[in-house]
Amino acid sequence: MSNVRNWALGLLLAALILFAPVIAFVMVVTVEMLTDLMAKMGATAVWPVASAAVGWVLLRSTAGSRGHLG
């Protein structure tokens, strides 16, 4: 049973490593679509706030789980 778990964990890890660029690309495309939507709505003064919010969310999701940000 332990051998099957090890293989499953290895396959899951390999899949995550292989799909990481795809996930990152989808995240970038989503952020671009949201910022373009905001620009079309006329909220050009919100660009610094929007970029800071996106950076904060990404930073919290990567570093926050390891406890680096308190």
N, C-alpha and C. Protein backbone atom coordinates (compact mmCIF):
# COMPACT_ATOMS: atom_id res chain seq x y z
N MET A 1 0.83 -1.20 0.00
CA MET A 1 0.00 0.00 0.00
C MET A 1 0.86 1.25 0.00
N SER A 2 1.93 1.21 0.72
CA SER A 2 2.81 2.36 0.81
C SER A 2 3.44 2.68 -0.55
N ASN A 3 3.74 1.64 -1.31
CA ASN A 3 4.35 1.83 -2.62
C ASN A 3 3.39 2.55 -3.56
N VAL A 4 2.11 2.21 -3.50
CA VAL A 4 1.11 2.87 -4.34
C VAL A 4 0.99 4.34 -3.95
N ARG A 5 1.02 4.63 -2.66
CA ARG A 5 0.96 6.02 -2.21
C ARG A 5 2.17 6.81 -2.70
N ASN A 6 3.33 6.18 -2.65
CA ASN A 6 4.54 6.87 -3.12
C ASN A 6 4.45 7.19 -4.61
N TRP A 7 3.97 6.23 -5.40
CA TRP A 7 3.82 6.45 -6.84
C TRP A 7 2.79 7.54 -7.11
N ALA A 8 1.67 7.51 -6.37
CA ALA A 8 0.63 8.52 -6.57
C ALA A 8 1.15 9.90 -6.21
N LEU A 9 1.88 10.00 -5.11
CA LEU A 9 2.45 11.28 -4.71
C LEU A 9 3.47 11.78 -5.73
N GLY A 10 4.28 10.86 -6.24
CA GLY A 10 5.26 11.23 -7.26
C GLY A 10 4.61 11.72 -8.54
N LEU A 11 3.54 11.03 -8.95
CA LEU A 11 2.83 11.45 -10.16
C LEU A 11 2.14 12.79 -9.96
N LEU A 12 1.57 13.02 -8.77
CA LEU A 12 0.94 14.29 -8.48
C LEU A 12 1.96 15.42 -8.49
N LEU A 13 3.10 15.20 -7.90
CA LEU A 13 4.16 16.20 -7.89
C LEU A 13 4.65 16.50 -9.30
N ALA A 14 4.84 15.47 -10.11
CA ALA A 14 5.27 15.67 -11.50
C ALA A 14 4.22 16.44 -12.29
N ALA A 15 2.95 16.13 -12.06
CA ALA A 15 1.88 16.84 -12.77
C ALA A 15 1.85 18.31 -12.38
N LEU A 16 2.03 18.59 -11.09
CA LEU A 16 2.05 19.99 -10.65
C LEU A 16 3.24 20.75 -11.24
N ILE A 17 4.38 20.09 -11.29
CA ILE A 17 5.56 20.74 -11.88
C ILE A 17 5.34 21.01 -13.36
N LEU A 18 4.74 20.06 -14.07
CA LEU A 18 4.53 20.25 -15.50
C LEU A 18 3.44 21.28 -15.80
N PHE A 19 2.43 21.37 -14.94
CA PHE A 19 1.33 22.31 -15.18
C PHE A 19 1.56 23.68 -14.57
N ALA A 20 2.63 23.88 -13.82
CA ALA A 20 2.90 25.17 -13.19
C ALA A 20 3.00 26.31 -14.20
N PRO A 21 3.70 26.15 -15.33
CA PRO A 21 3.73 27.24 -16.31
C PRO A 21 2.36 27.54 -16.90
N VAL A 22 1.54 26.52 -17.10
CA VAL A 22 0.20 26.73 -17.64
C VAL A 22 -0.64 27.51 -16.64
N ILE A 23 -0.56 27.13 -15.38
CA ILE A 23 -1.32 27.83 -14.34
C ILE A 23 -0.86 29.28 -14.23
N ALA A 24 0.45 29.51 -14.28
CA ALA A 24 0.97 30.87 -14.21
C ALA A 24 0.49 31.70 -15.41
N PHE A 25 0.49 31.11 -16.60
CA PHE A 25 0.03 31.81 -17.80
C PHE A 25 -1.44 32.18 -17.68
N VAL A 26 -2.25 31.25 -17.18
CA VAL A 26 -3.68 31.53 -17.02
C VAL A 26 -3.89 32.65 -16.00
N MET A 27 -3.10 32.67 -14.93
CA MET A 27 -3.20 33.74 -13.95
C MET A 27 -2.85 35.09 -14.56
N VAL A 28 -1.80 35.13 -15.37
CA VAL A 28 -1.39 36.39 -16.01
C VAL A 28 -2.46 36.86 -16.98
N VAL A 29 -3.02 35.95 -17.76
CA VAL A 29 -4.07 36.33 -18.70
C VAL A 29 -5.29 36.85 -17.96
N THR A 30 -5.64 36.22 -16.85
CA THR A 30 -6.78 36.67 -16.06
C THR A 30 -6.56 38.07 -15.50
N VAL A 31 -5.37 38.32 -14.98
CA VAL A 31 -5.07 39.65 -14.45
C VAL A 31 -5.09 40.70 -15.56
N GLU A 32 -4.57 40.35 -16.72
CA GLU A 32 -4.60 41.28 -17.86
C GLU A 32 -6.04 41.59 -18.27
N MET A 33 -6.88 40.58 -18.29
CA MET A 33 -8.28 40.80 -18.66
C MET A 33 -8.98 41.70 -17.65
N LEU A 34 -8.71 41.48 -16.37
CA LEU A 34 -9.33 42.31 -15.34
C LEU A 34 -8.84 43.75 -15.40
N THR A 35 -7.56 43.95 -15.64
CA THR A 35 -7.05 45.33 -15.72
C THR A 35 -7.55 46.02 -16.98
N ASP A 36 -7.67 45.29 -18.09
CA ASP A 36 -8.24 45.89 -19.30
C ASP A 36 -9.71 46.27 -19.09
N LEU A 37 -10.43 45.43 -18.38
CA LEU A 37 -11.82 45.74 -18.08
C LEU A 37 -11.91 47.00 -17.22
N MET A 38 -11.02 47.11 -16.25
CA MET A 38 -11.02 48.31 -15.41
C MET A 38 -10.67 49.55 -16.23
N ALA A 39 -9.74 49.40 -17.17
CA ALA A 39 -9.36 50.54 -18.00
C ALA A 39 -10.51 50.97 -18.90
N LYS A 40 -11.26 50.02 -19.43
CA LYS A 40 -12.40 50.37 -20.28
C LYS A 40 -13.52 51.03 -19.49
N MET A 41 -13.58 50.73 -18.20
CA MET A 41 -14.59 51.35 -17.35
C MET A 41 -14.17 52.76 -16.93
N GLY A 42 -12.94 53.14 -17.25
CA GLY A 42 -12.49 54.49 -16.96
C GLY A 42 -11.82 54.66 -15.62
N ALA A 43 -11.38 53.59 -15.02
CA ALA A 43 -10.75 53.68 -13.71
C ALA A 43 -9.23 53.69 -13.84
N THR A 44 -8.70 54.69 -14.54
CA THR A 44 -7.25 54.73 -14.76
C THR A 44 -6.49 55.13 -13.49
N ALA A 45 -7.14 55.83 -12.57
CA ALA A 45 -6.46 56.24 -11.35
C ALA A 45 -6.31 55.07 -10.38
N VAL A 46 -6.91 53.94 -10.69
CA VAL A 46 -6.88 52.80 -9.78
C VAL A 46 -5.74 51.85 -10.12
N TRP A 47 -4.97 52.13 -11.17
CA TRP A 47 -3.90 51.23 -11.58
C TRP A 47 -2.91 50.91 -10.47
N PRO A 48 -2.42 51.91 -9.72
CA PRO A 48 -1.48 51.56 -8.64
C PRO A 48 -2.12 50.68 -7.56
N VAL A 49 -3.36 50.95 -7.26
CA VAL A 49 -4.05 50.14 -6.26
C VAL A 49 -4.28 48.72 -6.78
N ALA A 50 -4.66 48.60 -8.03
CA ALA A 50 -4.91 47.28 -8.61
C ALA A 50 -3.62 46.46 -8.67
N SER A 51 -2.53 47.08 -9.09
CA SER A 51 -1.27 46.33 -9.17
C SER A 51 -0.78 45.95 -7.78
N ALA A 52 -0.95 46.82 -6.80
CA ALA A 52 -0.56 46.48 -5.43
C ALA A 52 -1.41 45.35 -4.88
N ALA A 53 -2.71 45.36 -5.20
CA ALA A 53 -3.59 44.29 -4.72
C ALA A 53 -3.22 42.95 -5.33
N VAL A 54 -2.93 42.95 -6.63
CA VAL A 54 -2.53 41.70 -7.28
C VAL A 54 -1.21 41.20 -6.70
N GLY A 55 -0.26 42.08 -6.52
CA GLY A 55 1.02 41.70 -5.92
C GLY A 55 0.85 41.18 -4.51
N TRP A 56 -0.01 41.82 -3.73
CA TRP A 56 -0.24 41.40 -2.35
C TRP A 56 -0.87 40.01 -2.31
N VAL A 57 -1.86 39.78 -3.18
CA VAL A 57 -2.52 38.46 -3.20
C VAL A 57 -1.53 37.38 -3.61
N LEU A 58 -0.73 37.63 -4.63
CA LEU A 58 0.23 36.63 -5.06
C LEU A 58 1.30 36.39 -4.01
N LEU A 59 1.74 37.45 -3.35
CA LEU A 59 2.75 37.31 -2.31
C LEU A 59 2.20 36.55 -1.12
N ARG A 60 0.97 36.86 -0.74
CA ARG A 60 0.37 36.17 0.41
C ARG A 60 0.13 34.69 0.09
N SER A 61 -0.22 34.39 -1.16
CA SER A 61 -0.50 33.00 -1.50
C SER A 61 0.78 32.18 -1.57
N THR A 62 1.90 32.78 -1.90
CA THR A 62 3.14 32.01 -1.99
C THR A 62 3.94 32.05 -0.69
N ALA A 63 4.12 33.21 -0.12
CA ALA A 63 4.96 33.31 1.07
C ALA A 63 4.17 33.17 2.36
N GLY A 64 2.90 33.47 2.33
CA GLY A 64 2.09 33.42 3.55
C GLY A 64 1.91 32.02 4.08
N SER A 65 1.90 31.02 3.20
CA SER A 65 1.71 29.67 3.66
C SER A 65 2.93 29.14 4.41
N ARG A 66 4.08 29.74 4.18
CA ARG A 66 5.28 29.30 4.88
C ARG A 66 5.56 30.16 6.11
N GLY A 67 4.74 31.17 6.35
CA GLY A 67 4.89 31.97 7.55
C GLY A 67 5.90 33.10 7.44
N HIS A 68 6.31 33.47 6.22
CA HIS A 68 7.31 34.52 6.07
C HIS A 68 6.75 35.91 6.35
N LEU A 69 5.45 36.08 6.18
CA LEU A 69 4.87 37.42 6.33
C LEU A 69 4.11 37.59 7.63
N GLY A 70 4.38 36.77 8.57
CA GLY A 70 3.77 36.94 9.89
C GLY A 70 2.47 36.35 10.00
